PDB file of N, CA and C in Angstrom:
ATOM      1  N   UNK A   1       0.829  -1.179   0.000  1.00  0.00           N
ATOM      2  CA  UNK A   1       0.000   0.000   0.000  1.00  0.00           C
ATOM      3  C   UNK A   1       0.873   1.242   0.000  1.00  0.00           C
ATOM      4  N   UNK A   2       0.311   2.306  -0.492  1.00  0.00           N
ATOM      5  CA  UNK A   2       1.029   3.576  -0.473  1.00  0.00           C
ATOM      6  C   UNK A   2       1.034   4.197   0.919  1.00  0.00           C
ATOM      7  N   UNK A   3       0.040   3.866   1.733  1.00  0.00           N
ATOM      8  CA  UNK A   3      -0.038   4.370   3.106  1.00  0.00           C
ATOM      9  C   UNK A   3      -0.298   3.194   4.049  1.00  0.00           C
ATOM     10  N   UNK A   4       0.360   3.187   5.193  1.00  0.00           N
ATOM     11  CA  UNK A   4       0.102   2.166   6.197  1.00  0.00           C
ATOM     12  C   UNK A   4      -1.265   2.436   6.806  1.00  0.00           C
ATOM     13  N   UNK A   5      -2.108   1.389   6.922  1.00  0.00           N
ATOM     14  CA  UNK A   5      -3.480   1.562   7.413  1.00  0.00           C
ATOM     15  C   UNK A   5      -3.790   0.550   8.501  1.00  0.00           C
ATOM     16  N   UNK A   6      -4.650   0.965   9.421  1.00  0.00           N
ATOM     17  CA  UNK A   6      -5.269   0.064  10.379  1.00  0.00           C
ATOM     18  C   UNK A   6      -6.761   0.368  10.375  1.00  0.00           C
ATOM     19  N   UNK A   7      -7.562  -0.614  10.746  1.00  0.00           N
ATOM     20  CA  UNK A   7      -9.026  -0.471  10.815  1.00  0.00           C
ATOM     21  C   UNK A   7      -9.647  -0.099   9.465  1.00  0.00           C
ATOM     22  N   UNK A   8      -9.085  -0.602   8.380  1.00  0.00           N
ATOM     23  CA  UNK A   8      -9.619  -0.318   7.050  1.00  0.00           C
ATOM     24  C   UNK A   8     -10.554  -1.446   6.611  1.00  0.00           C
ATOM     25  N   UNK A   9     -11.227  -1.240   5.487  1.00  0.00           N
ATOM     26  CA  UNK A   9     -12.089  -2.257   4.890  1.00  0.00           C
ATOM     27  C   UNK A   9     -11.479  -2.689   3.560  1.00  0.00           C
ATOM     28  N   UNK A  10     -11.643  -3.967   3.242  1.00  0.00           N
ATOM     29  CA  UNK A  10     -11.107  -4.520   2.006  1.00  0.00           C
ATOM     30  C   UNK A  10     -12.217  -5.255   1.258  1.00  0.00           C
ATOM     31  N   UNK A  11     -12.305  -5.020  -0.057  1.00  0.00           N
ATOM     32  CA  UNK A  11     -13.319  -5.660  -0.895  1.00  0.00           C
ATOM     33  C   UNK A  11     -12.631  -6.238  -2.121  1.00  0.00           C
ATOM     34  N   UNK A  12     -12.914  -7.497  -2.456  1.00  0.00           N
ATOM     35  CA  UNK A  12     -12.409  -8.097  -3.688  1.00  0.00           C
ATOM     36  C   UNK A  12     -13.388  -7.739  -4.798  1.00  0.00           C
ATOM     37  N   UNK A  13     -12.890  -7.063  -5.828  1.00  0.00           N
ATOM     38  CA  UNK A  13     -13.735  -6.608  -6.928  1.00  0.00           C
ATOM     39  C   UNK A  13     -13.943  -7.709  -7.958  1.00  0.00           C
ATOM     40  N   UNK A  14     -14.886  -7.493  -8.864  1.00  0.00           N
ATOM     41  CA  UNK A  14     -15.257  -8.505  -9.855  1.00  0.00           C
ATOM     42  C   UNK A  14     -14.111  -8.882 -10.793  1.00  0.00           C
ATOM     43  N   UNK A  15     -13.182  -7.973 -11.051  1.00  0.00           N
ATOM     44  CA  UNK A  15     -12.069  -8.271 -11.965  1.00  0.00           C
ATOM     45  C   UNK A  15     -10.884  -8.934 -11.270  1.00  0.00           C
ATOM     46  N   UNK A  16     -10.988  -9.177  -9.953  1.00  0.00           N
ATOM     47  CA  UNK A  16      -9.908  -9.812  -9.210  1.00  0.00           C
ATOM     48  C   UNK A  16      -9.002  -8.842  -8.488  1.00  0.00           C
ATOM     49  N   UNK A  17      -9.192  -7.554  -8.689  1.00  0.00           N
ATOM     50  CA  UNK A  17      -8.405  -6.574  -7.944  1.00  0.00           C
ATOM     51  C   UNK A  17      -9.001  -6.403  -6.548  1.00  0.00           C
ATOM     52  N   UNK A  18      -8.256  -5.752  -5.684  1.00  0.00           N
ATOM     53  CA  UNK A  18      -8.649  -5.607  -4.288  1.00  0.00           C
ATOM     54  C   UNK A  18      -8.708  -4.123  -3.955  1.00  0.00           C
ATOM     55  N   UNK A  19      -9.835  -3.678  -3.397  1.00  0.00           N
ATOM     56  CA  UNK A  19     -10.028  -2.288  -3.021  1.00  0.00           C
ATOM     57  C   UNK A  19      -9.895  -2.149  -1.516  1.00  0.00           C
ATOM     58  N   UNK A  20      -9.048  -1.206  -1.077  1.00  0.00           N
ATOM     59  CA  UNK A  20      -8.851  -0.926   0.340  1.00  0.00           C
ATOM     60  C   UNK A  20      -9.393   0.478   0.596  1.00  0.00           C
ATOM     61  N   UNK A  21     -10.298   0.581   1.583  1.00  0.00           N
ATOM     62  CA  UNK A  21     -11.006   1.841   1.826  1.00  0.00           C
ATOM     63  C   UNK A  21     -10.904   2.210   3.299  1.00  0.00           C
ATOM     64  N   UNK A  22     -10.721   3.507   3.560  1.00  0.00           N
ATOM     65  CA  UNK A  22     -10.805   4.052   4.907  1.00  0.00           C
ATOM     66  C   UNK A  22      -9.670   3.639   5.811  1.00  0.00           C
ATOM     67  N   UNK A  23      -9.915   3.766   7.098  1.00  0.00           N
ATOM     68  CA  UNK A  23      -8.930   3.405   8.095  1.00  0.00           C
ATOM     69  C   UNK A  23      -8.143   4.592   8.609  1.00  0.00           C
ATOM     70  N   UNK A  24      -7.186   4.260   9.450  1.00  0.00           N
ATOM     71  CA  UNK A  24      -6.327   5.262  10.071  1.00  0.00           C
ATOM     72  C   UNK A  24      -4.895   5.100   9.599  1.00  0.00           C
ATOM     73  N   UNK A  25      -4.217   6.215   9.464  1.00  0.00           N
ATOM     74  CA  UNK A  25      -2.802   6.232   9.157  1.00  0.00           C
ATOM     75  C   UNK A  25      -2.103   7.122  10.161  1.00  0.00           C
ATOM     76  N   UNK A  26      -0.825   7.364   9.965  1.00  0.00           N
ATOM     77  CA  UNK A  26      -0.066   8.223  10.876  1.00  0.00           C
ATOM     78  C   UNK A  26       0.571   9.363  10.106  1.00  0.00           C
ATOM     79  N   UNK A  27       0.621  10.502  10.771  1.00  0.00           N
ATOM     80  CA  UNK A  27       1.446  11.596  10.280  1.00  0.00           C
ATOM     81  C   UNK A  27       2.410  11.952  11.406  1.00  0.00           C
ATOM     82  N   UNK A  28       3.074  13.066  11.333  1.00  0.00           N
ATOM     83  CA  UNK A  28       4.068  13.420  12.341  1.00  0.00           C
ATOM     84  C   UNK A  28       3.502  13.672  13.724  1.00  0.00           C
ATOM     85  N   UNK A  29       2.200  13.935  13.818  1.00  0.00           N
ATOM     86  CA  UNK A  29       1.614  14.288  15.115  1.00  0.00           C
ATOM     87  C   UNK A  29       0.761  13.181  15.717  1.00  0.00           C
ATOM     88  N   UNK A  30       0.420  12.146  14.973  1.00  0.00           N
ATOM     89  CA  UNK A  30      -0.410  11.066  15.500  1.00  0.00           C
ATOM     90  C   UNK A  30      -1.235  10.417  14.410  1.00  0.00           C
ATOM     91  N   UNK A  31      -2.378   9.860  14.791  1.00  0.00           N
ATOM     92  CA  UNK A  31      -3.247   9.153  13.847  1.00  0.00           C
ATOM     93  C   UNK A  31      -4.138  10.116  13.086  1.00  0.00           C
ATOM     94  N   UNK A  32      -4.344   9.821  11.800  1.00  0.00           N
ATOM     95  CA  UNK A  32      -5.236  10.624  10.958  1.00  0.00           C
ATOM     96  C   UNK A  32      -6.123   9.690  10.153  1.00  0.00           C
ATOM     97  N   UNK A  33      -7.306  10.169   9.794  1.00  0.00           N
ATOM     98  CA  UNK A  33      -8.204   9.395   8.935  1.00  0.00           C
ATOM     99  C   UNK A  33      -7.673   9.445   7.507  1.00  0.00           C
ATOM    100  N   UNK A  34      -7.683   8.294   6.825  1.00  0.00           N
ATOM    101  CA  UNK A  34      -7.256   8.233   5.431  1.00  0.00           C
ATOM    102  C   UNK A  34      -8.496   8.210   4.543  1.00  0.00           C
ATOM    103  N   UNK A  35      -8.575   9.137   3.623  1.00  0.00           N
ATOM    104  CA  UNK A  35      -9.744   9.246   2.757  1.00  0.00           C
ATOM    105  C   UNK A  35      -9.536   8.603   1.387  1.00  0.00           C
ATOM    106  N   UNK A  36      -8.317   8.585   0.889  1.00  0.00           N
ATOM    107  CA  UNK A  36      -8.061   8.036  -0.444  1.00  0.00           C
ATOM    108  C   UNK A  36      -8.143   6.513  -0.423  1.00  0.00           C
ATOM    109  N   UNK A  37      -8.912   5.956  -1.335  1.00  0.00           N
ATOM    110  CA  UNK A  37      -8.980   4.508  -1.496  1.00  0.00           C
ATOM    111  C   UNK A  37      -7.792   4.055  -2.345  1.00  0.00           C
ATOM    112  N   UNK A  38      -7.396   2.794  -2.190  1.00  0.00           N
ATOM    113  CA  UNK A  38      -6.322   2.230  -2.999  1.00  0.00           C
ATOM    114  C   UNK A  38      -6.775   0.901  -3.595  1.00  0.00           C
ATOM    115  N   UNK A  39      -6.377   0.677  -4.837  1.00  0.00           N
ATOM    116  CA  UNK A  39      -6.729  -0.564  -5.542  1.00  0.00           C
ATOM    117  C   UNK A  39      -5.458  -1.347  -5.816  1.00  0.00           C
ATOM    118  N   UNK A  40      -5.464  -2.609  -5.391  1.00  0.00           N
ATOM    119  CA  UNK A  40      -4.318  -3.494  -5.575  1.00  0.00           C
ATOM    120  C   UNK A  40      -4.597  -4.410  -6.757  1.00  0.00           C
ATOM    121  N   UNK A  41      -3.650  -4.454  -7.701  1.00  0.00           N
ATOM    122  CA  UNK A  41      -3.779  -5.318  -8.865  1.00  0.00           C
ATOM    123  C   UNK A  41      -2.674  -6.369  -8.808  1.00  0.00           C
ATOM    124  N   UNK A  42      -3.011  -7.592  -8.340  1.00  0.00           N
ATOM    125  CA  UNK A  42      -1.986  -8.620  -8.149  1.00  0.00           C
ATOM    126  C   UNK A  42      -1.373  -9.099  -9.464  1.00  0.00           C
ATOM    127  N   UNK A  43      -0.108  -9.492  -9.384  1.00  0.00           N
ATOM    128  CA  UNK A  43       0.618  -9.987 -10.554  1.00  0.00           C
ATOM    129  C   UNK A  43      -0.085 -11.181 -11.195  1.00  0.00           C
ATOM    130  N   UNK A  44      -0.593 -12.083 -10.372  1.00  0.00           N
ATOM    131  CA  UNK A  44      -1.193 -13.318 -10.872  1.00  0.00           C
ATOM    132  C   UNK A  44      -2.405 -13.050 -11.766  1.00  0.00           C
ATOM    133  N   UNK A  45      -3.116 -11.975 -11.510  1.00  0.00           N
ATOM    134  CA  UNK A  45      -4.334 -11.666 -12.266  1.00  0.00           C
ATOM    135  C   UNK A  45      -4.047 -10.744 -13.446  1.00  0.00           C
ATOM    136  N   UNK A  46      -3.213  -9.726 -13.233  1.00  0.00           N
ATOM    137  CA  UNK A  46      -3.030  -8.690 -14.247  1.00  0.00           C
ATOM    138  C   UNK A  46      -1.732  -8.807 -15.035  1.00  0.00           C
ATOM    139  N   UNK A  47      -0.829  -9.710 -14.647  1.00  0.00           N
ATOM    140  CA  UNK A  47       0.394  -9.949 -15.411  1.00  0.00           C
ATOM    141  C   UNK A  47       1.403  -8.822 -15.372  1.00  0.00           C
ATOM    142  N   UNK A  48       1.287  -7.909 -14.443  1.00  0.00           N
ATOM    143  CA  UNK A  48       2.255  -6.815 -14.315  1.00  0.00           C
ATOM    144  C   UNK A  48       3.571  -7.380 -13.776  1.00  0.00           C
ATOM    145  N   UNK A  49       4.707  -6.734 -14.080  1.00  0.00           N
ATOM    146  CA  UNK A  49       5.984  -7.236 -13.578  1.00  0.00           C
ATOM    147  C   UNK A  49       6.085  -7.189 -12.054  1.00  0.00           C
ATOM    148  N   UNK A  50       5.332  -6.322 -11.418  1.00  0.00           N
ATOM    149  CA  UNK A  50       5.293  -6.267  -9.956  1.00  0.00           C
ATOM    150  C   UNK A  50       3.885  -5.854  -9.531  1.00  0.00           C
ATOM    151  N   UNK A  51       3.507  -6.165  -8.304  1.00  0.00           N
ATOM    152  CA  UNK A  51       2.172  -5.758  -7.854  1.00  0.00           C
ATOM    153  C   UNK A  51       2.002  -4.235  -7.935  1.00  0.00           C
ATOM    154  N   UNK A  52       0.813  -3.793  -8.266  1.00  0.00           N
ATOM    155  CA  UNK A  52       0.556  -2.373  -8.472  1.00  0.00           C
ATOM    156  C   UNK A  52      -0.505  -1.896  -7.481  1.00  0.00           C
ATOM    157  N   UNK A  53      -0.210  -0.805  -6.782  1.00  0.00           N
ATOM    158  CA  UNK A  53      -1.185  -0.123  -5.932  1.00  0.00           C
ATOM    159  C   UNK A  53      -1.527   1.196  -6.603  1.00  0.00           C
ATOM    160  N   UNK A  54      -2.788   1.406  -6.918  1.00  0.00           N
ATOM    161  CA  UNK A  54      -3.231   2.647  -7.559  1.00  0.00           C
ATOM    162  C   UNK A  54      -4.138   3.413  -6.603  1.00  0.00           C
ATOM    163  N   UNK A  55      -3.880   4.704  -6.469  1.00  0.00           N
ATOM    164  CA  UNK A  55      -4.736   5.525  -5.621  1.00  0.00           C
ATOM    165  C   UNK A  55      -6.014   5.867  -6.367  1.00  0.00           C
ATOM    166  N   UNK A  56      -7.129   5.755  -5.668  1.00  0.00           N
ATOM    167  CA  UNK A  56      -8.449   6.007  -6.247  1.00  0.00           C
ATOM    168  C   UNK A  56      -9.020   7.295  -5.659  1.00  0.00           C
ATOM    169  N   UNK A  57     -10.250   7.601  -6.015  1.00  0.00           N
ATOM    170  CA  UNK A  57     -10.902   8.810  -5.520  1.00  0.00           C
ATOM    171  C   UNK A  57     -11.017   8.790  -3.999  1.00  0.00           C
ATOM    172  N   UNK A  58     -10.974   9.964  -3.404  1.00  0.00           N
ATOM    173  CA  UNK A  58     -11.055  10.091  -1.952  1.00  0.00           C
ATOM    174  C   UNK A  58     -12.504  10.121  -1.489  1.00  0.00           C
ATOM    175  N   UNK A  59     -12.732   9.576  -0.308  1.00  0.00           N
ATOM    176  CA  UNK A  59     -14.046   9.652   0.316  1.00  0.00           C
ATOM    177  C   UNK A  59     -14.193  11.013   1.000  1.00  0.00           C
ATOM    178  N   UNK A  60     -15.424  11.434   1.187  1.00  0.00           N
ATOM    179  CA  UNK A  60     -15.673  12.717   1.822  1.00  0.00           C
ATOM    180  C   UNK A  60     -15.728  12.612   3.349  1.00  0.00           C
ATOM    181  N   UNK A  61     -16.084  11.449   3.859  1.00  0.00           N
ATOM    182  CA  UNK A  61     -16.246  11.253   5.304  1.00  0.00           C
ATOM    183  C   UNK A  61     -15.198  10.281   5.833  1.00  0.00           C
ATOM    184  N   UNK A  62     -14.904  10.402   7.126  1.00  0.00           N
ATOM    185  CA  UNK A  62     -14.013   9.446   7.770  1.00  0.00           C
ATOM    186  C   UNK A  62     -14.703   8.091   7.854  1.00  0.00           C
ATOM    187  N   UNK A  63     -14.006   7.027   7.501  1.00  0.00           N
ATOM    188  CA  UNK A  63     -14.503   5.660   7.656  1.00  0.00           C
ATOM    189  C   UNK A  63     -13.474   4.916   8.482  1.00  0.00           C
ATOM    190  N   UNK A  64     -13.757   4.783   9.767  1.00  0.00           N
ATOM    191  CA  UNK A  64     -12.788   4.232  10.706  1.00  0.00           C
ATOM    192  C   UNK A  64     -13.214   2.849  11.163  1.00  0.00           C
ATOM    193  N   UNK A  65     -13.077   2.530  12.410  1.00  0.00           N
ATOM    194  CA  UNK A  65     -13.262   1.160  12.887  1.00  0.00           C
ATOM    195  C   UNK A  65     -14.707   0.693  12.924  1.00  0.00           C
ATOM    196  N   UNK A  66     -15.691   1.554  12.917  1.00  0.00           N
ATOM    197  CA  UNK A  66     -17.094   1.134  12.857  1.00  0.00           C
ATOM    198  C   UNK A  66     -17.642   1.446  11.467  1.00  0.00           C
ATOM    199  N   UNK A  67     -17.036   0.890  10.442  1.00  0.00           N
ATOM    200  CA  UNK A  67     -17.471   1.146   9.072  1.00  0.00           C
ATOM    201  C   UNK A  67     -17.539  -0.168   8.299  1.00  0.00           C
ATOM    202  N   UNK A  68     -18.162  -0.103   7.126  1.00  0.00           N
ATOM    203  CA  UNK A  68     -18.297  -1.280   6.263  1.00  0.00           C
ATOM    204  C   UNK A  68     -17.983  -0.899   4.827  1.00  0.00           C
ATOM    205  N   UNK A  69     -17.671  -1.894   4.035  1.00  0.00           N
ATOM    206  CA  UNK A  69     -17.565  -1.749   2.589  1.00  0.00           C
ATOM    207  C   UNK A  69     -18.126  -3.033   1.994  1.00  0.00           C
ATOM    208  N   UNK A  70     -19.079  -2.891   1.075  1.00  0.00           N
ATOM    209  CA  UNK A  70     -19.785  -4.048   0.515  1.00  0.00           C
ATOM    210  C   UNK A  70     -19.787  -3.933  -1.005  1.00  0.00           C
ATOM    211  N   UNK A  71     -19.474  -5.040  -1.673  1.00  0.00           N
ATOM    212  CA  UNK A  71     -19.575  -5.094  -3.128  1.00  0.00           C
ATOM    213  C   UNK A  71     -21.027  -5.358  -3.503  1.00  0.00           C
ATOM    214  N   UNK A  72     -21.620  -4.458  -4.277  1.00  0.00           N
ATOM    215  CA  UNK A  72     -23.009  -4.589  -4.700  1.00  0.00           C
ATOM    216  C   UNK A  72     -23.099  -5.431  -5.976  1.00  0.00           C
ATOM    217  N   UNK A  73     -24.264  -5.999  -6.277  1.00  0.00           N
ATOM    218  CA  UNK A  73     -24.411  -6.857  -7.458  1.00  0.00           C
ATOM    219  C   UNK A  73     -24.034  -6.185  -8.785  1.00  0.00           C
ATOM    220  N   UNK A  74     -24.167  -4.857  -8.869  1.00  0.00           N
ATOM    221  CA  UNK A  74     -23.838  -4.168 -10.119  1.00  0.00           C
ATOM    222  C   UNK A  74     -22.355  -3.805 -10.226  1.00  0.00           C
ATOM    223  N   UNK A  75     -21.542  -4.169  -9.213  1.00  0.00           N
ATOM    224  CA  UNK A  75     -20.112  -3.922  -9.250  1.00  0.00           C
ATOM    225  C   UNK A  75     -19.689  -2.672  -8.479  1.00  0.00           C
ATOM    226  N   UNK A  76     -20.621  -1.850  -8.024  1.00  0.00           N
ATOM    227  CA  UNK A  76     -20.303  -0.695  -7.199  1.00  0.00           C
ATOM    228  C   UNK A  76     -19.908  -1.155  -5.800  1.00  0.00           C
ATOM    229  N   UNK A  77     -19.208  -0.289  -5.075  1.00  0.00           N
ATOM    230  CA  UNK A  77     -18.861  -0.569  -3.683  1.00  0.00           C
ATOM    231  C   UNK A  77     -19.567   0.460  -2.809  1.00  0.00           C
ATOM    232  N   UNK A  78     -20.288  -0.017  -1.813  1.00  0.00           N
ATOM    233  CA  UNK A  78     -20.959   0.847  -0.851  1.00  0.00           C
ATOM    234  C   UNK A  78     -20.084   0.914   0.392  1.00  0.00           C
ATOM    235  N   UNK A  79     -19.741   2.116   0.809  1.00  0.00           N
ATOM    236  CA  UNK A  79     -18.934   2.322   2.016  1.00  0.00           C
ATOM    237  C   UNK A  79     -19.748   3.186   2.966  1.00  0.00           C
ATOM    238  N   UNK A  80     -19.880   2.723   4.191  1.00  0.00           N
ATOM    239  CA  UNK A  80     -20.687   3.483   5.149  1.00  0.00           C
ATOM    240  C   UNK A  80     -20.238   3.266   6.565  1.00  0.00           C
TER     241      UNK A  80
END
């Protein structure tokens, strides 16, 4: 991952990639909420020379330890 996270949610997407959403990270002063989602594209599925982490759109609200992420039937991810 591009950022170390705790208390995040992980969803396996329909194409085999993995979406990591929310959680806490650290900055110089302590813990902060992470808003940017990250998508992991494993070598075994996508054939890249190394695993790839891509930053996705940021969430507007903090999603910490009492949060969920669910893959919906149409392929969208609901985070709440």
